[in-house]
Amino acid sequence: MKVLLVSPALRNMDVYQVRARGCMPPLNLMYMAAVLLRGGHEVKIIDLYAEGLSETEFLARAREFGPELADKLGDRGLGDRGRCLNT
């Protein structure tokens, strides 16, 4: 199964969080990807904060990958679980 994991562009962070986030990859998504890869799945991570993609660029890249499952990491953990980008 093709799985897309997305780390959102975080806009409402204080200075400390910006500094901390600026040097930290989305480890939580990387751990999830490792487990999925071991299970035989094809996984892609898009880090919107690091890449600074517009919504149009993000959607184009996501659709190009063609995931069967997409998940976004939100402020309170995983959200939008199971949402497909096939529209």
N, C-alpha and C. Protein backbone atom coordinates (compact mmCIF):
# COMPACT_ATOMS: atom_id res chain seq x y z
N MET A 1 0.84 -1.17 0.00
CA MET A 1 0.00 0.00 0.00
C MET A 1 0.89 1.25 0.00
N LYS A 2 0.51 2.25 -0.77
CA LYS A 2 1.23 3.52 -0.80
C LYS A 2 0.66 4.43 0.29
N VAL A 3 1.53 4.87 1.20
CA VAL A 3 1.11 5.67 2.35
C VAL A 3 1.86 7.00 2.33
N LEU A 4 1.11 8.09 2.45
CA LEU A 4 1.68 9.43 2.52
C LEU A 4 1.52 9.96 3.94
N LEU A 5 2.63 10.37 4.56
CA LEU A 5 2.62 10.97 5.89
C LEU A 5 3.01 12.43 5.74
N VAL A 6 2.23 13.33 6.35
CA VAL A 6 2.43 14.76 6.17
C VAL A 6 2.65 15.44 7.51
N SER A 7 3.73 16.21 7.58
CA SER A 7 3.98 17.08 8.73
C SER A 7 3.56 18.48 8.32
N PRO A 8 2.57 19.07 9.01
CA PRO A 8 2.00 20.35 8.56
C PRO A 8 2.96 21.53 8.72
N ALA A 9 2.64 22.60 7.98
CA ALA A 9 3.35 23.86 8.14
C ALA A 9 2.80 24.51 9.41
N LEU A 10 3.62 24.59 10.43
CA LEU A 10 3.16 25.11 11.72
C LEU A 10 3.34 26.62 11.74
N ARG A 11 2.25 27.34 11.82
CA ARG A 11 2.31 28.80 11.73
C ARG A 11 2.16 29.50 13.07
N ASN A 12 1.61 28.85 14.04
CA ASN A 12 1.31 29.50 15.32
C ASN A 12 2.26 29.04 16.42
N MET A 13 3.55 29.15 16.17
CA MET A 13 4.52 28.70 17.16
C MET A 13 5.25 29.90 17.75
N ASP A 14 5.61 29.80 19.02
CA ASP A 14 6.41 30.87 19.61
C ASP A 14 7.87 30.71 19.19
N VAL A 15 8.71 31.67 19.54
CA VAL A 15 10.10 31.71 19.09
C VAL A 15 10.86 30.44 19.49
N TYR A 16 10.66 29.96 20.72
CA TYR A 16 11.35 28.75 21.16
C TYR A 16 10.97 27.56 20.29
N GLN A 17 9.68 27.41 20.03
CA GLN A 17 9.22 26.29 19.21
C GLN A 17 9.78 26.38 17.80
N VAL A 18 9.85 27.58 17.25
CA VAL A 18 10.39 27.75 15.90
C VAL A 18 11.84 27.30 15.87
N ARG A 19 12.63 27.73 16.87
CA ARG A 19 14.04 27.33 16.92
C ARG A 19 14.17 25.82 17.07
N ALA A 20 13.38 25.23 17.95
CA ALA A 20 13.47 23.78 18.19
C ALA A 20 13.01 23.02 16.95
N ARG A 21 11.92 23.43 16.35
CA ARG A 21 11.37 22.74 15.17
C ARG A 21 12.30 22.91 13.98
N GLY A 22 12.99 24.04 13.91
CA GLY A 22 13.85 24.31 12.78
C GLY A 22 14.99 23.32 12.63
N CYS A 23 15.36 22.65 13.71
CA CYS A 23 16.48 21.72 13.63
C CYS A 23 16.04 20.28 13.86
N MET A 24 14.76 20.02 13.88
CA MET A 24 14.27 18.68 14.16
C MET A 24 13.41 18.16 13.01
N PRO A 25 13.78 17.05 12.43
CA PRO A 25 12.91 16.43 11.42
C PRO A 25 11.69 15.83 12.12
N PRO A 26 10.65 15.50 11.38
CA PRO A 26 9.46 14.91 11.99
C PRO A 26 9.73 13.44 12.40
N LEU A 27 10.39 13.28 13.54
CA LEU A 27 10.81 11.95 13.99
C LEU A 27 9.63 11.00 14.14
N ASN A 28 8.50 11.52 14.63
CA ASN A 28 7.33 10.67 14.81
C ASN A 28 6.91 10.04 13.48
N LEU A 29 6.91 10.84 12.42
CA LEU A 29 6.54 10.30 11.11
C LEU A 29 7.62 9.36 10.59
N MET A 30 8.87 9.65 10.91
CA MET A 30 9.96 8.77 10.47
C MET A 30 9.85 7.40 11.14
N TYR A 31 9.48 7.38 12.42
CA TYR A 31 9.28 6.10 13.11
C TYR A 31 8.13 5.33 12.49
N MET A 32 7.03 6.05 12.22
CA MET A 32 5.88 5.39 11.59
C MET A 32 6.26 4.84 10.22
N ALA A 33 7.01 5.63 9.44
CA ALA A 33 7.43 5.20 8.11
C ALA A 33 8.29 3.95 8.19
N ALA A 34 9.18 3.88 9.18
CA ALA A 34 10.06 2.71 9.33
C ALA A 34 9.23 1.44 9.55
N VAL A 35 8.22 1.55 10.39
CA VAL A 35 7.37 0.38 10.67
C VAL A 35 6.60 -0.01 9.40
N LEU A 36 6.07 0.99 8.71
CA LEU A 36 5.32 0.70 7.48
C LEU A 36 6.21 0.09 6.41
N LEU A 37 7.44 0.60 6.27
CA LEU A 37 8.38 0.04 5.30
C LEU A 37 8.70 -1.41 5.61
N ARG A 38 8.89 -1.71 6.88
CA ARG A 38 9.15 -3.10 7.28
C ARG A 38 7.98 -4.01 6.94
N GLY A 39 6.79 -3.42 6.94
CA GLY A 39 5.58 -4.18 6.61
C GLY A 39 5.35 -4.30 5.11
N GLY A 40 6.29 -3.77 4.32
CA GLY A 40 6.18 -3.92 2.88
C GLY A 40 5.45 -2.79 2.16
N HIS A 41 5.17 -1.70 2.86
CA HIS A 41 4.44 -0.59 2.25
C HIS A 41 5.41 0.41 1.63
N GLU A 42 4.94 1.14 0.65
CA GLU A 42 5.70 2.23 0.06
C GLU A 42 5.28 3.51 0.78
N VAL A 43 6.25 4.25 1.32
CA VAL A 43 5.94 5.40 2.18
C VAL A 43 6.65 6.65 1.68
N LYS A 44 5.95 7.77 1.76
CA LYS A 44 6.53 9.08 1.45
C LYS A 44 6.17 10.03 2.59
N ILE A 45 7.15 10.83 3.01
CA ILE A 45 6.92 11.86 4.02
C ILE A 45 7.07 13.21 3.34
N ILE A 46 6.11 14.10 3.55
CA ILE A 46 6.22 15.47 3.10
C ILE A 46 6.18 16.35 4.34
N ASP A 47 7.24 17.12 4.54
CA ASP A 47 7.35 18.03 5.68
C ASP A 47 7.07 19.44 5.18
N LEU A 48 5.83 19.89 5.33
CA LEU A 48 5.42 21.19 4.80
C LEU A 48 6.15 22.34 5.49
N TYR A 49 6.51 22.17 6.75
CA TYR A 49 7.24 23.22 7.46
C TYR A 49 8.63 23.40 6.84
N ALA A 50 9.34 22.32 6.62
CA ALA A 50 10.71 22.39 6.11
C ALA A 50 10.75 22.77 4.63
N GLU A 51 9.78 22.28 3.86
CA GLU A 51 9.82 22.49 2.42
C GLU A 51 9.13 23.77 1.97
N GLY A 52 8.27 24.33 2.82
CA GLY A 52 7.60 25.58 2.48
C GLY A 52 6.76 25.51 1.22
N LEU A 53 6.10 24.39 1.00
CA LEU A 53 5.29 24.21 -0.20
C LEU A 53 3.98 24.98 -0.10
N SER A 54 3.53 25.50 -1.23
CA SER A 54 2.19 26.09 -1.27
C SER A 54 1.18 24.94 -1.27
N GLU A 55 -0.07 25.26 -1.08
CA GLU A 55 -1.10 24.22 -1.09
C GLU A 55 -1.14 23.53 -2.46
N THR A 56 -1.00 24.32 -3.52
CA THR A 56 -1.01 23.78 -4.88
C THR A 56 0.16 22.84 -5.10
N GLU A 57 1.36 23.24 -4.65
CA GLU A 57 2.55 22.40 -4.81
C GLU A 57 2.41 21.11 -4.01
N PHE A 58 1.89 21.25 -2.78
CA PHE A 58 1.70 20.06 -1.95
C PHE A 58 0.73 19.08 -2.61
N LEU A 59 -0.42 19.58 -3.05
CA LEU A 59 -1.41 18.70 -3.66
C LEU A 59 -0.87 18.04 -4.92
N ALA A 60 -0.11 18.78 -5.71
CA ALA A 60 0.48 18.20 -6.92
C ALA A 60 1.44 17.07 -6.56
N ARG A 61 2.28 17.30 -5.57
CA ARG A 61 3.25 16.27 -5.17
C ARG A 61 2.53 15.06 -4.57
N ALA A 62 1.51 15.33 -3.77
CA ALA A 62 0.77 14.23 -3.15
C ALA A 62 0.05 13.39 -4.20
N ARG A 63 -0.59 14.06 -5.13
CA ARG A 63 -1.31 13.33 -6.18
C ARG A 63 -0.35 12.56 -7.09
N GLU A 64 0.82 13.14 -7.33
CA GLU A 64 1.84 12.46 -8.14
C GLU A 64 2.26 11.14 -7.50
N PHE A 65 2.38 11.15 -6.17
CA PHE A 65 2.74 9.92 -5.44
C PHE A 65 1.58 8.92 -5.51
N GLY A 66 0.35 9.42 -5.47
CA GLY A 66 -0.83 8.55 -5.58
C GLY A 66 -1.05 7.64 -4.39
N PRO A 67 -1.12 8.18 -3.18
CA PRO A 67 -1.27 7.31 -2.01
C PRO A 67 -2.65 6.67 -1.93
N GLU A 68 -2.66 5.49 -1.33
CA GLU A 68 -3.92 4.83 -1.02
C GLU A 68 -4.41 5.28 0.35
N LEU A 69 -3.47 5.79 1.16
CA LEU A 69 -3.78 6.27 2.50
C LEU A 69 -2.91 7.48 2.76
N ALA A 70 -3.51 8.54 3.30
CA ALA A 70 -2.74 9.74 3.66
C ALA A 70 -3.11 10.13 5.08
N ASP A 71 -2.12 10.59 5.84
CA ASP A 71 -2.36 10.98 7.21
C ASP A 71 -1.54 12.22 7.51
N LYS A 72 -2.15 13.13 8.25
CA LYS A 72 -1.49 14.38 8.61
C LYS A 72 -1.31 14.40 10.12
N LEU A 73 -0.14 14.81 10.56
CA LEU A 73 0.10 14.95 11.98
C LEU A 73 -0.38 16.34 12.39
N GLY A 74 -1.31 16.39 13.32
CA GLY A 74 -1.84 17.66 13.77
C GLY A 74 -1.37 18.01 15.17
N ASP A 75 -1.90 19.09 15.70
CA ASP A 75 -1.50 19.56 17.02
C ASP A 75 -1.81 18.54 18.12
N ARG A 76 -2.83 17.76 17.92
CA ARG A 76 -3.25 16.80 18.95
C ARG A 76 -3.01 15.37 18.54
N GLY A 77 -2.06 15.15 17.69
CA GLY A 77 -1.77 13.80 17.24
C GLY A 77 -2.26 13.59 15.82
N LEU A 78 -2.58 12.37 15.48
CA LEU A 78 -2.95 12.06 14.11
C LEU A 78 -4.37 12.51 13.82
N GLY A 79 -4.51 13.16 12.69
CA GLY A 79 -5.82 13.61 12.25
C GLY A 79 -5.99 13.30 10.78
N ASP A 80 -7.18 13.52 10.26
CA ASP A 80 -7.48 13.26 8.85
C ASP A 80 -7.10 11.83 8.45
N ARG A 81 -7.20 10.89 9.39
CA ARG A 81 -6.81 9.51 9.13
C ARG A 81 -7.63 8.91 8.00
N GLY A 82 -6.92 8.30 7.08
CA GLY A 82 -7.59 7.58 6.01
C GLY A 82 -8.07 8.44 4.86
N ARG A 83 -7.73 9.70 4.87
CA ARG A 83 -8.21 10.58 3.82
C ARG A 83 -7.40 10.35 2.53
N CYS A 84 -8.09 10.13 1.45
CA CYS A 84 -7.42 9.88 0.17
C CYS A 84 -7.31 11.16 -0.63
N LEU A 85 -6.32 11.24 -1.48
CA LEU A 85 -6.10 12.43 -2.31
C LEU A 85 -6.43 12.14 -3.77
N ASN A 86 -7.33 11.25 -4.00
CA ASN A 86 -7.65 10.84 -5.37
C ASN A 86 -8.72 11.72 -6.00
N THR A 87 -8.90 12.94 -5.48
CA THR A 87 -9.96 13.81 -6.03
C THR A 87 -9.37 14.81 -6.98
